[in-house]
Amino acid sequence: MAFAEITLTRAEQRLAAYLAKARYQSNRASGVRDQLRSTRDPVKMEAEATGAELAFCCSMNLYPDLSVSPRKGGYDCRTAKGHRMDVKWVARPTDHLLAVLGKRQEREVDAFVLVRGHSPVYDIVGWVPFRQLIHRSKIRDFGYGATYAMASRDLYPMETLGCWDGDQEFGWPRHPVIGTTLDD
């Protein structure tokens, strides 16, 4: 179940495509290695991921990062409370929220958000604090090498993000998706 279904306008779709191509070219020209875990076209995947960032920002009334300068890691936007969010895009409902193994950007990111879909329609699925994903117990290998992974059913509902004070040990009293307490 998704928090919100967002349909990007034609202008937002063009913006996502432009940003994706410009970021991809800028990063490759600067020697930033492509971290994508797939055999699909990297520029098309970057466009989908950028569309997912725009969709999340639209759903939360946030201003997206429109920069194209080379970068590795970092956050995609800040919430109204100042939390630095890294938006992760997946194509299929069965896909997991993934983060590159070895990601040590705790000073740069507070939490991750999972967005699913294909342009122009995206579903905002859920979120998780940084330390609850970047942990050795979350390492999986889906055939492209080890990565941090969390199933969408294990993410916090987006409705709980507004209650979050930045505590990395955040635990919602009753996880509405799986129906158990987080301590079970």
N, C-alpha and C. Protein backbone atom coordinates (compact mmCIF):
# COMPACT_ATOMS: atom_id res chain seq x y z
N MET A 1 0.84 -1.17 0.00
CA MET A 1 0.00 0.00 0.00
C MET A 1 0.89 1.25 0.00
N ALA A 2 0.59 2.19 -0.84
CA ALA A 2 1.40 3.39 -0.98
C ALA A 2 0.78 4.55 -0.21
N PHE A 3 1.63 5.43 0.25
CA PHE A 3 1.22 6.65 0.93
C PHE A 3 0.51 7.58 -0.04
N ALA A 4 1.09 7.72 -1.22
CA ALA A 4 0.51 8.61 -2.22
C ALA A 4 0.92 8.15 -3.61
N GLU A 5 0.04 8.34 -4.56
CA GLU A 5 0.36 8.12 -5.96
C GLU A 5 0.51 9.51 -6.58
N ILE A 6 1.68 9.76 -7.14
CA ILE A 6 1.99 11.05 -7.73
C ILE A 6 2.18 10.88 -9.23
N THR A 7 1.50 11.71 -10.01
CA THR A 7 1.69 11.73 -11.45
C THR A 7 2.41 13.02 -11.82
N LEU A 8 3.61 12.86 -12.38
CA LEU A 8 4.38 14.03 -12.79
C LEU A 8 3.75 14.69 -14.01
N THR A 9 3.81 16.00 -14.05
CA THR A 9 3.34 16.74 -15.22
C THR A 9 4.34 16.52 -16.36
N ARG A 10 3.97 16.91 -17.55
CA ARG A 10 4.87 16.79 -18.70
C ARG A 10 6.15 17.60 -18.46
N ALA A 11 6.02 18.78 -17.87
CA ALA A 11 7.18 19.61 -17.57
C ALA A 11 8.09 18.93 -16.54
N GLU A 12 7.51 18.30 -15.52
CA GLU A 12 8.31 17.59 -14.52
C GLU A 12 9.01 16.38 -15.13
N GLN A 13 8.34 15.71 -16.07
CA GLN A 13 8.97 14.58 -16.76
C GLN A 13 10.18 15.05 -17.56
N ARG A 14 10.03 16.16 -18.27
CA ARG A 14 11.15 16.71 -19.05
C ARG A 14 12.28 17.17 -18.14
N LEU A 15 11.93 17.77 -17.01
CA LEU A 15 12.94 18.19 -16.04
C LEU A 15 13.71 16.97 -15.52
N ALA A 16 13.02 15.91 -15.19
CA ALA A 16 13.68 14.69 -14.70
C ALA A 16 14.62 14.13 -15.76
N ALA A 17 14.19 14.08 -17.00
CA ALA A 17 15.03 13.56 -18.09
C ALA A 17 16.27 14.44 -18.28
N TYR A 18 16.08 15.76 -18.25
CA TYR A 18 17.21 16.67 -18.40
C TYR A 18 18.21 16.50 -17.26
N LEU A 19 17.72 16.53 -16.01
CA LEU A 19 18.60 16.39 -14.85
C LEU A 19 19.35 15.06 -14.87
N ALA A 20 18.66 13.99 -15.23
CA ALA A 20 19.28 12.67 -15.27
C ALA A 20 20.44 12.63 -16.26
N LYS A 21 20.21 13.12 -17.46
CA LYS A 21 21.26 13.10 -18.48
C LYS A 21 22.42 14.00 -18.07
N ALA A 22 22.13 15.19 -17.59
CA ALA A 22 23.18 16.12 -17.18
C ALA A 22 23.98 15.58 -15.99
N ARG A 23 23.30 14.99 -15.00
CA ARG A 23 24.00 14.42 -13.84
C ARG A 23 24.87 13.24 -14.25
N TYR A 24 24.30 12.38 -15.09
CA TYR A 24 25.06 11.21 -15.55
C TYR A 24 26.33 11.65 -16.26
N GLN A 25 26.21 12.57 -17.20
CA GLN A 25 27.37 13.05 -17.95
C GLN A 25 28.37 13.75 -17.03
N SER A 26 27.90 14.58 -16.12
CA SER A 26 28.76 15.30 -15.20
C SER A 26 29.53 14.33 -14.29
N ASN A 27 28.84 13.34 -13.77
CA ASN A 27 29.49 12.36 -12.90
C ASN A 27 30.53 11.53 -13.64
N ARG A 28 30.20 11.06 -14.84
CA ARG A 28 31.17 10.25 -15.60
C ARG A 28 32.39 11.10 -15.99
N ALA A 29 32.16 12.34 -16.38
CA ALA A 29 33.27 13.21 -16.78
C ALA A 29 34.20 13.52 -15.60
N SER A 30 33.65 13.46 -14.38
CA SER A 30 34.43 13.76 -13.18
C SER A 30 35.00 12.50 -12.52
N GLY A 31 34.75 11.34 -13.12
CA GLY A 31 35.29 10.10 -12.58
C GLY A 31 34.49 9.47 -11.47
N VAL A 32 33.28 9.95 -11.22
CA VAL A 32 32.41 9.34 -10.20
C VAL A 32 31.87 8.04 -10.78
N ARG A 33 32.13 6.93 -10.09
CA ARG A 33 31.74 5.61 -10.58
C ARG A 33 30.23 5.40 -10.47
N ASP A 34 29.65 4.77 -11.48
CA ASP A 34 28.23 4.44 -11.49
C ASP A 34 27.98 3.31 -10.50
N GLN A 35 27.09 3.51 -9.53
CA GLN A 35 26.80 2.53 -8.47
C GLN A 35 25.53 1.72 -8.74
N LEU A 36 24.92 1.87 -9.91
CA LEU A 36 23.66 1.18 -10.18
C LEU A 36 23.86 -0.34 -10.16
N ARG A 37 22.88 -1.02 -9.61
CA ARG A 37 22.90 -2.48 -9.50
C ARG A 37 21.92 -3.10 -10.49
N SER A 38 22.22 -2.95 -11.77
CA SER A 38 21.29 -3.44 -12.78
C SER A 38 22.00 -3.54 -14.13
N THR A 39 21.37 -4.26 -15.04
CA THR A 39 21.87 -4.35 -16.41
C THR A 39 21.09 -3.41 -17.34
N ARG A 40 20.13 -2.68 -16.82
CA ARG A 40 19.32 -1.76 -17.62
C ARG A 40 20.10 -0.50 -17.99
N ASP A 41 19.63 0.24 -18.98
CA ASP A 41 20.27 1.47 -19.45
C ASP A 41 20.40 2.45 -18.29
N PRO A 42 21.64 2.85 -17.95
CA PRO A 42 21.84 3.70 -16.78
C PRO A 42 21.22 5.09 -16.89
N VAL A 43 21.18 5.67 -18.08
CA VAL A 43 20.58 7.01 -18.22
C VAL A 43 19.06 6.93 -18.03
N LYS A 44 18.43 5.88 -18.55
CA LYS A 44 16.98 5.70 -18.35
C LYS A 44 16.67 5.44 -16.87
N MET A 45 17.53 4.65 -16.23
CA MET A 45 17.32 4.39 -14.80
C MET A 45 17.52 5.67 -13.99
N GLU A 46 18.49 6.47 -14.37
CA GLU A 46 18.72 7.75 -13.69
C GLU A 46 17.52 8.67 -13.86
N ALA A 47 16.91 8.66 -15.05
CA ALA A 47 15.73 9.48 -15.30
C ALA A 47 14.56 9.02 -14.42
N GLU A 48 14.39 7.72 -14.27
CA GLU A 48 13.32 7.20 -13.40
C GLU A 48 13.60 7.58 -11.94
N ALA A 49 14.86 7.45 -11.52
CA ALA A 49 15.22 7.79 -10.13
C ALA A 49 15.02 9.28 -9.87
N THR A 50 15.36 10.10 -10.84
CA THR A 50 15.16 11.55 -10.69
C THR A 50 13.67 11.87 -10.65
N GLY A 51 12.88 11.19 -11.47
CA GLY A 51 11.43 11.34 -11.42
C GLY A 51 10.87 10.95 -10.06
N ALA A 52 11.44 9.90 -9.47
CA ALA A 52 11.02 9.46 -8.13
C ALA A 52 11.34 10.54 -7.09
N GLU A 53 12.50 11.18 -7.22
CA GLU A 53 12.85 12.28 -6.31
C GLU A 53 11.85 13.42 -6.43
N LEU A 54 11.51 13.78 -7.67
CA LEU A 54 10.54 14.85 -7.88
C LEU A 54 9.17 14.47 -7.31
N ALA A 55 8.77 13.22 -7.50
CA ALA A 55 7.47 12.75 -6.99
C ALA A 55 7.44 12.83 -5.47
N PHE A 56 8.51 12.38 -4.81
CA PHE A 56 8.55 12.46 -3.35
C PHE A 56 8.45 13.91 -2.89
N CYS A 57 9.22 14.78 -3.52
CA CYS A 57 9.18 16.20 -3.16
C CYS A 57 7.79 16.78 -3.35
N CYS A 58 7.13 16.42 -4.44
CA CYS A 58 5.75 16.88 -4.68
C CYS A 58 4.82 16.39 -3.57
N SER A 59 4.98 15.13 -3.16
CA SER A 59 4.09 14.55 -2.15
C SER A 59 4.26 15.20 -0.79
N MET A 60 5.45 15.73 -0.52
CA MET A 60 5.74 16.32 0.79
C MET A 60 5.85 17.84 0.75
N ASN A 61 5.57 18.43 -0.42
CA ASN A 61 5.67 19.88 -0.60
C ASN A 61 7.08 20.39 -0.27
N LEU A 62 8.08 19.71 -0.85
CA LEU A 62 9.48 20.05 -0.63
C LEU A 62 10.10 20.51 -1.94
N TYR A 63 11.19 21.26 -1.84
CA TYR A 63 11.91 21.71 -3.03
C TYR A 63 12.98 20.67 -3.37
N PRO A 64 13.00 20.17 -4.60
CA PRO A 64 13.97 19.14 -4.97
C PRO A 64 15.36 19.72 -5.24
N ASP A 65 16.36 18.87 -5.19
CA ASP A 65 17.72 19.25 -5.56
C ASP A 65 17.79 19.27 -7.09
N LEU A 66 18.03 20.44 -7.66
CA LEU A 66 18.09 20.58 -9.11
C LEU A 66 19.52 20.72 -9.62
N SER A 67 20.49 20.47 -8.76
CA SER A 67 21.88 20.61 -9.18
C SER A 67 22.32 19.48 -10.10
N VAL A 68 23.30 19.77 -10.94
CA VAL A 68 23.85 18.76 -11.85
C VAL A 68 25.35 18.59 -11.63
N SER A 69 25.90 19.25 -10.63
CA SER A 69 27.34 19.14 -10.37
C SER A 69 27.67 17.71 -9.91
N PRO A 70 28.90 17.27 -10.19
CA PRO A 70 29.29 15.90 -9.82
C PRO A 70 29.17 15.68 -8.32
N ARG A 71 28.66 14.51 -7.95
CA ARG A 71 28.57 14.17 -6.54
C ARG A 71 28.46 12.67 -6.38
N LYS A 72 28.88 12.24 -5.22
CA LYS A 72 28.77 10.84 -4.85
C LYS A 72 28.10 10.82 -3.49
N GLY A 73 26.99 10.13 -3.40
CA GLY A 73 26.27 10.09 -2.13
C GLY A 73 25.49 11.36 -1.90
N GLY A 74 25.21 11.62 -0.63
CA GLY A 74 24.48 12.83 -0.28
C GLY A 74 22.98 12.61 -0.24
N TYR A 75 22.29 13.69 0.04
CA TYR A 75 20.84 13.61 0.16
C TYR A 75 20.16 14.26 -1.03
N ASP A 76 18.89 13.92 -1.22
CA ASP A 76 18.12 14.43 -2.36
C ASP A 76 17.26 15.63 -1.98
N CYS A 77 16.86 15.72 -0.72
CA CYS A 77 16.07 16.86 -0.26
C CYS A 77 16.04 16.85 1.26
N ARG A 78 15.54 17.95 1.81
CA ARG A 78 15.36 18.07 3.27
C ARG A 78 13.87 18.20 3.57
N THR A 79 13.46 17.57 4.67
CA THR A 79 12.07 17.69 5.10
C THR A 79 11.88 19.04 5.79
N ALA A 80 10.65 19.35 6.13
CA ALA A 80 10.35 20.60 6.84
C ALA A 80 11.08 20.67 8.18
N LYS A 81 11.37 19.50 8.78
CA LYS A 81 12.11 19.46 10.05
C LYS A 81 13.62 19.44 9.83
N GLY A 82 14.05 19.47 8.57
CA GLY A 82 15.48 19.51 8.27
C GLY A 82 16.13 18.15 8.08
N HIS A 83 15.35 17.08 8.12
CA HIS A 83 15.92 15.74 7.92
C HIS A 83 16.36 15.57 6.47
N ARG A 84 17.58 15.03 6.30
CA ARG A 84 18.15 14.83 4.97
C ARG A 84 17.72 13.47 4.44
N MET A 85 16.95 13.48 3.34
CA MET A 85 16.35 12.27 2.81
C MET A 85 17.04 11.83 1.52
N ASP A 86 17.34 10.54 1.44
CA ASP A 86 17.89 9.93 0.23
C ASP A 86 16.76 9.11 -0.38
N VAL A 87 16.28 9.53 -1.54
CA VAL A 87 15.16 8.88 -2.20
C VAL A 87 15.68 7.75 -3.08
N LYS A 88 15.13 6.55 -2.89
CA LYS A 88 15.53 5.38 -3.67
C LYS A 88 14.35 4.94 -4.52
N TRP A 89 14.62 4.69 -5.80
CA TRP A 89 13.58 4.30 -6.75
C TRP A 89 13.69 2.81 -7.07
N VAL A 90 12.54 2.15 -7.18
CA VAL A 90 12.46 0.77 -7.68
C VAL A 90 11.33 0.69 -8.70
N ALA A 91 11.44 -0.29 -9.59
CA ALA A 91 10.46 -0.42 -10.66
C ALA A 91 9.28 -1.31 -10.29
N ARG A 92 9.55 -2.40 -9.58
CA ARG A 92 8.52 -3.41 -9.35
C ARG A 92 8.05 -3.45 -7.89
N PRO A 93 6.83 -3.89 -7.65
CA PRO A 93 6.31 -3.98 -6.28
C PRO A 93 7.12 -4.92 -5.40
N THR A 94 7.78 -5.90 -5.99
CA THR A 94 8.54 -6.87 -5.19
C THR A 94 9.95 -6.39 -4.88
N ASP A 95 10.37 -5.27 -5.45
CA ASP A 95 11.72 -4.77 -5.24
C ASP A 95 11.90 -4.23 -3.82
N HIS A 96 13.15 -4.28 -3.37
CA HIS A 96 13.54 -3.81 -2.04
C HIS A 96 14.14 -2.40 -2.12
N LEU A 97 14.13 -1.72 -1.00
CA LEU A 97 14.90 -0.48 -0.88
C LEU A 97 16.36 -0.92 -0.79
N LEU A 98 17.21 -0.40 -1.66
CA LEU A 98 18.62 -0.79 -1.71
C LEU A 98 19.52 0.41 -1.47
N ALA A 99 20.64 0.17 -0.80
CA ALA A 99 21.69 1.17 -0.63
C ALA A 99 23.03 0.46 -0.83
N VAL A 100 23.95 1.14 -1.45
CA VAL A 100 25.25 0.57 -1.79
C VAL A 100 25.98 0.11 -0.54
N LEU A 101 26.51 -1.11 -0.59
CA LEU A 101 27.31 -1.64 0.51
C LEU A 101 28.53 -0.75 0.71
N GLY A 102 28.84 -0.49 1.94
CA GLY A 102 29.97 0.38 2.24
C GLY A 102 29.56 1.84 2.36
N LYS A 103 28.30 2.11 2.17
CA LYS A 103 27.79 3.48 2.25
C LYS A 103 27.98 3.96 3.69
N ARG A 104 28.80 4.94 3.86
CA ARG A 104 29.07 5.48 5.19
C ARG A 104 28.80 6.96 5.18
N GLN A 105 27.61 7.32 4.83
CA GLN A 105 27.27 8.72 4.67
C GLN A 105 26.36 9.23 5.78
N GLU A 106 26.51 8.68 6.97
CA GLU A 106 25.62 9.08 8.06
C GLU A 106 25.67 10.59 8.31
N ARG A 107 26.78 11.22 8.03
CA ARG A 107 26.86 12.67 8.20
C ARG A 107 26.12 13.39 7.09
N GLU A 108 25.73 12.66 6.03
CA GLU A 108 25.09 13.28 4.87
C GLU A 108 23.61 12.93 4.74
N VAL A 109 23.17 11.79 5.30
CA VAL A 109 21.79 11.32 5.12
C VAL A 109 21.23 10.90 6.48
N ASP A 110 19.98 11.29 6.73
CA ASP A 110 19.31 10.89 7.96
C ASP A 110 18.38 9.69 7.76
N ALA A 111 17.78 9.60 6.56
CA ALA A 111 16.82 8.53 6.31
C ALA A 111 16.69 8.28 4.81
N PHE A 112 16.11 7.13 4.49
CA PHE A 112 15.85 6.73 3.11
C PHE A 112 14.35 6.66 2.87
N VAL A 113 13.94 6.95 1.65
CA VAL A 113 12.54 6.84 1.23
C VAL A 113 12.49 5.93 0.01
N LEU A 114 11.52 5.03 -0.03
CA LEU A 114 11.33 4.16 -1.19
C LEU A 114 10.18 4.68 -2.04
N VAL A 115 10.46 4.86 -3.34
CA VAL A 115 9.46 5.30 -4.31
C VAL A 115 9.45 4.26 -5.42
N ARG A 116 8.25 3.83 -5.82
CA ARG A 116 8.11 2.77 -6.82
C ARG A 116 7.30 3.29 -8.00
N GLY A 117 7.63 2.78 -9.19
CA GLY A 117 6.83 3.11 -10.36
C GLY A 117 7.65 3.43 -11.58
N HIS A 118 6.96 3.93 -12.58
CA HIS A 118 7.58 4.37 -13.83
C HIS A 118 6.97 5.70 -14.21
N SER A 119 7.81 6.54 -14.79
CA SER A 119 7.34 7.86 -15.20
C SER A 119 6.16 7.73 -16.14
N PRO A 120 5.11 8.48 -15.89
CA PRO A 120 4.99 9.61 -15.00
C PRO A 120 4.36 9.30 -13.64
N VAL A 121 4.03 8.02 -13.36
CA VAL A 121 3.29 7.69 -12.14
C VAL A 121 4.20 6.96 -11.14
N TYR A 122 4.28 7.52 -9.93
CA TYR A 122 5.10 6.95 -8.86
C TYR A 122 4.28 6.79 -7.59
N ASP A 123 4.60 5.74 -6.83
CA ASP A 123 3.99 5.52 -5.51
C ASP A 123 5.03 5.78 -4.45
N ILE A 124 4.69 6.59 -3.46
CA ILE A 124 5.56 6.84 -2.32
C ILE A 124 5.27 5.73 -1.32
N VAL A 125 6.21 4.81 -1.09
CA VAL A 125 5.95 3.57 -0.38
C VAL A 125 6.19 3.67 1.13
N GLY A 126 7.37 4.11 1.54
CA GLY A 126 7.70 4.14 2.96
C GLY A 126 9.10 4.69 3.17
N TRP A 127 9.52 4.69 4.43
CA TRP A 127 10.81 5.27 4.78
C TRP A 127 11.45 4.50 5.92
N VAL A 128 12.75 4.74 6.14
CA VAL A 128 13.47 4.11 7.23
C VAL A 128 14.66 4.99 7.63
N PRO A 129 14.94 5.11 8.94
CA PRO A 129 16.12 5.85 9.36
C PRO A 129 17.41 5.19 8.84
N PHE A 130 18.44 5.99 8.65
CA PHE A 130 19.72 5.54 8.10
C PHE A 130 20.24 4.27 8.77
N ARG A 131 20.39 4.31 10.10
CA ARG A 131 21.01 3.18 10.81
C ARG A 131 20.19 1.91 10.78
N GLN A 132 18.90 2.01 10.51
CA GLN A 132 18.09 0.80 10.46
C GLN A 132 18.21 0.08 9.12
N LEU A 133 18.75 0.76 8.11
CA LEU A 133 19.04 0.10 6.82
C LEU A 133 20.52 -0.22 6.70
N ILE A 134 21.38 0.71 7.07
CA ILE A 134 22.82 0.52 6.93
C ILE A 134 23.32 -0.24 8.15
N HIS A 135 23.13 -1.54 8.11
CA HIS A 135 23.48 -2.44 9.21
C HIS A 135 23.82 -3.80 8.61
N ARG A 136 24.78 -4.49 9.19
CA ARG A 136 25.23 -5.77 8.61
C ARG A 136 24.10 -6.80 8.49
N SER A 137 23.08 -6.70 9.35
CA SER A 137 21.96 -7.64 9.28
C SER A 137 21.10 -7.42 8.03
N LYS A 138 21.29 -6.30 7.35
CA LYS A 138 20.49 -5.97 6.17
C LYS A 138 21.22 -6.25 4.86
N ILE A 139 22.38 -6.90 4.91
CA ILE A 139 23.14 -7.17 3.68
C ILE A 139 22.53 -8.36 2.95
N ARG A 140 22.28 -8.16 1.65
CA ARG A 140 21.72 -9.21 0.78
C ARG A 140 22.44 -9.16 -0.55
N ASP A 141 22.32 -10.23 -1.32
CA ASP A 141 22.88 -10.27 -2.68
C ASP A 141 21.79 -10.76 -3.62
N PHE A 142 21.40 -9.91 -4.56
CA PHE A 142 20.36 -10.23 -5.52
C PHE A 142 20.95 -10.57 -6.89
N GLY A 143 22.24 -10.90 -6.92
CA GLY A 143 22.89 -11.29 -8.17
C GLY A 143 23.78 -10.22 -8.78
N TYR A 144 23.84 -9.04 -8.17
CA TYR A 144 24.69 -7.96 -8.68
C TYR A 144 25.75 -7.56 -7.66
N GLY A 145 25.90 -8.36 -6.61
CA GLY A 145 26.84 -8.05 -5.54
C GLY A 145 26.08 -7.69 -4.27
N ALA A 146 26.79 -7.74 -3.17
CA ALA A 146 26.18 -7.47 -1.86
C ALA A 146 25.74 -6.01 -1.77
N THR A 147 24.60 -5.81 -1.11
CA THR A 147 24.04 -4.48 -0.93
C THR A 147 23.18 -4.48 0.34
N TYR A 148 22.94 -3.32 0.89
CA TYR A 148 21.97 -3.21 1.98
C TYR A 148 20.59 -3.27 1.36
N ALA A 149 19.68 -4.01 1.99
CA ALA A 149 18.34 -4.16 1.41
C ALA A 149 17.29 -4.30 2.51
N MET A 150 16.11 -3.75 2.23
CA MET A 150 14.97 -3.87 3.13
C MET A 150 13.71 -4.00 2.29
N ALA A 151 12.90 -4.99 2.60
CA ALA A 151 11.63 -5.18 1.89
C ALA A 151 10.69 -4.02 2.18
N SER A 152 9.88 -3.68 1.20
CA SER A 152 8.96 -2.54 1.36
C SER A 152 8.00 -2.75 2.52
N ARG A 153 7.62 -3.98 2.79
CA ARG A 153 6.68 -4.25 3.89
C ARG A 153 7.29 -3.94 5.26
N ASP A 154 8.63 -3.83 5.33
CA ASP A 154 9.31 -3.55 6.59
C ASP A 154 9.60 -2.07 6.82
N LEU A 155 9.24 -1.24 5.85
CA LEU A 155 9.47 0.20 5.98
C LEU A 155 8.40 0.84 6.86
N TYR A 156 8.73 1.98 7.41
CA TYR A 156 7.73 2.74 8.16
C TYR A 156 6.77 3.42 7.19
N PRO A 157 5.51 3.49 7.54
CA PRO A 157 4.55 4.21 6.69
C PRO A 157 4.92 5.69 6.63
N MET A 158 4.69 6.31 5.52
CA MET A 158 5.05 7.72 5.34
C MET A 158 4.35 8.61 6.36
N GLU A 159 3.18 8.22 6.81
CA GLU A 159 2.44 9.02 7.79
C GLU A 159 3.24 9.21 9.08
N THR A 160 4.19 8.31 9.38
CA THR A 160 4.96 8.41 10.61
C THR A 160 6.16 9.35 10.47
N LEU A 161 6.52 9.75 9.27
CA LEU A 161 7.68 10.61 9.08
C LEU A 161 7.54 11.94 9.82
N GLY A 162 6.34 12.48 9.86
CA GLY A 162 6.11 13.74 10.57
C GLY A 162 6.31 13.63 12.07
N CYS A 163 6.22 12.41 12.63
CA CYS A 163 6.42 12.19 14.06
C CYS A 163 7.88 11.99 14.41
N TRP A 164 8.71 11.79 13.41
CA TRP A 164 10.11 11.45 13.63
C TRP A 164 10.92 12.67 14.05
N ASP A 165 11.67 12.52 15.13
CA ASP A 165 12.50 13.62 15.63
C ASP A 165 13.96 13.47 15.24
N GLY A 166 14.27 12.50 14.42
CA GLY A 166 15.65 12.27 13.99
C GLY A 166 16.34 11.15 14.74
N ASP A 167 15.66 10.57 15.73
CA ASP A 167 16.24 9.47 16.50
C ASP A 167 16.45 8.28 15.59
N GLN A 168 17.68 7.80 15.48
CA GLN A 168 17.98 6.67 14.60
C GLN A 168 17.43 5.35 15.14
N GLU A 169 17.04 5.32 16.40
CA GLU A 169 16.46 4.11 16.98
C GLU A 169 14.94 4.18 16.97
N PHE A 170 14.40 5.03 16.11
CA PHE A 170 12.95 5.24 16.00
C PHE A 170 12.23 3.90 15.92
N GLY A 171 11.14 3.78 16.64
CA GLY A 171 10.30 2.60 16.56
C GLY A 171 8.85 3.01 16.73
N TRP A 172 8.07 2.79 15.73
CA TRP A 172 6.66 3.10 15.83
C TRP A 172 6.03 2.03 16.71
N PRO A 173 5.14 2.39 17.63
CA PRO A 173 4.60 1.41 18.57
C PRO A 173 4.02 0.16 17.92
N ARG A 174 3.31 0.32 16.84
CA ARG A 174 2.74 -0.84 16.17
C ARG A 174 2.92 -0.64 14.68
N HIS A 175 3.65 -1.54 14.07
CA HIS A 175 3.93 -1.42 12.64
C HIS A 175 2.67 -1.83 11.88
N PRO A 176 1.96 -0.88 11.23
CA PRO A 176 0.68 -1.17 10.61
C PRO A 176 0.77 -2.10 9.41
N VAL A 177 1.94 -2.23 8.80
CA VAL A 177 2.04 -3.08 7.62
C VAL A 177 2.14 -4.54 8.01
N ILE A 178 2.95 -4.85 9.01
CA ILE A 178 3.11 -6.26 9.38
C ILE A 178 2.30 -6.64 10.62
N GLY A 179 1.72 -5.63 11.30
CA GLY A 179 0.79 -5.91 12.39
C GLY A 179 1.42 -6.37 13.68
N THR A 180 2.72 -6.16 13.86
CA THR A 180 3.36 -6.55 15.10
C THR A 180 4.13 -5.35 15.65
N THR A 181 4.51 -5.44 16.92
CA THR A 181 5.37 -4.39 17.44
C THR A 181 6.75 -4.57 16.85
N LEU A 182 7.52 -3.52 16.81
CA LEU A 182 8.85 -3.59 16.22
C LEU A 182 9.82 -4.39 17.08
N ASP A 183 9.49 -4.61 18.35
CA ASP A 183 10.37 -5.39 19.23
C ASP A 183 10.14 -6.88 19.11
N ASP A 184 9.05 -7.31 18.46
CA ASP A 184 8.76 -8.75 18.31
C ASP A 184 9.78 -9.43 17.43
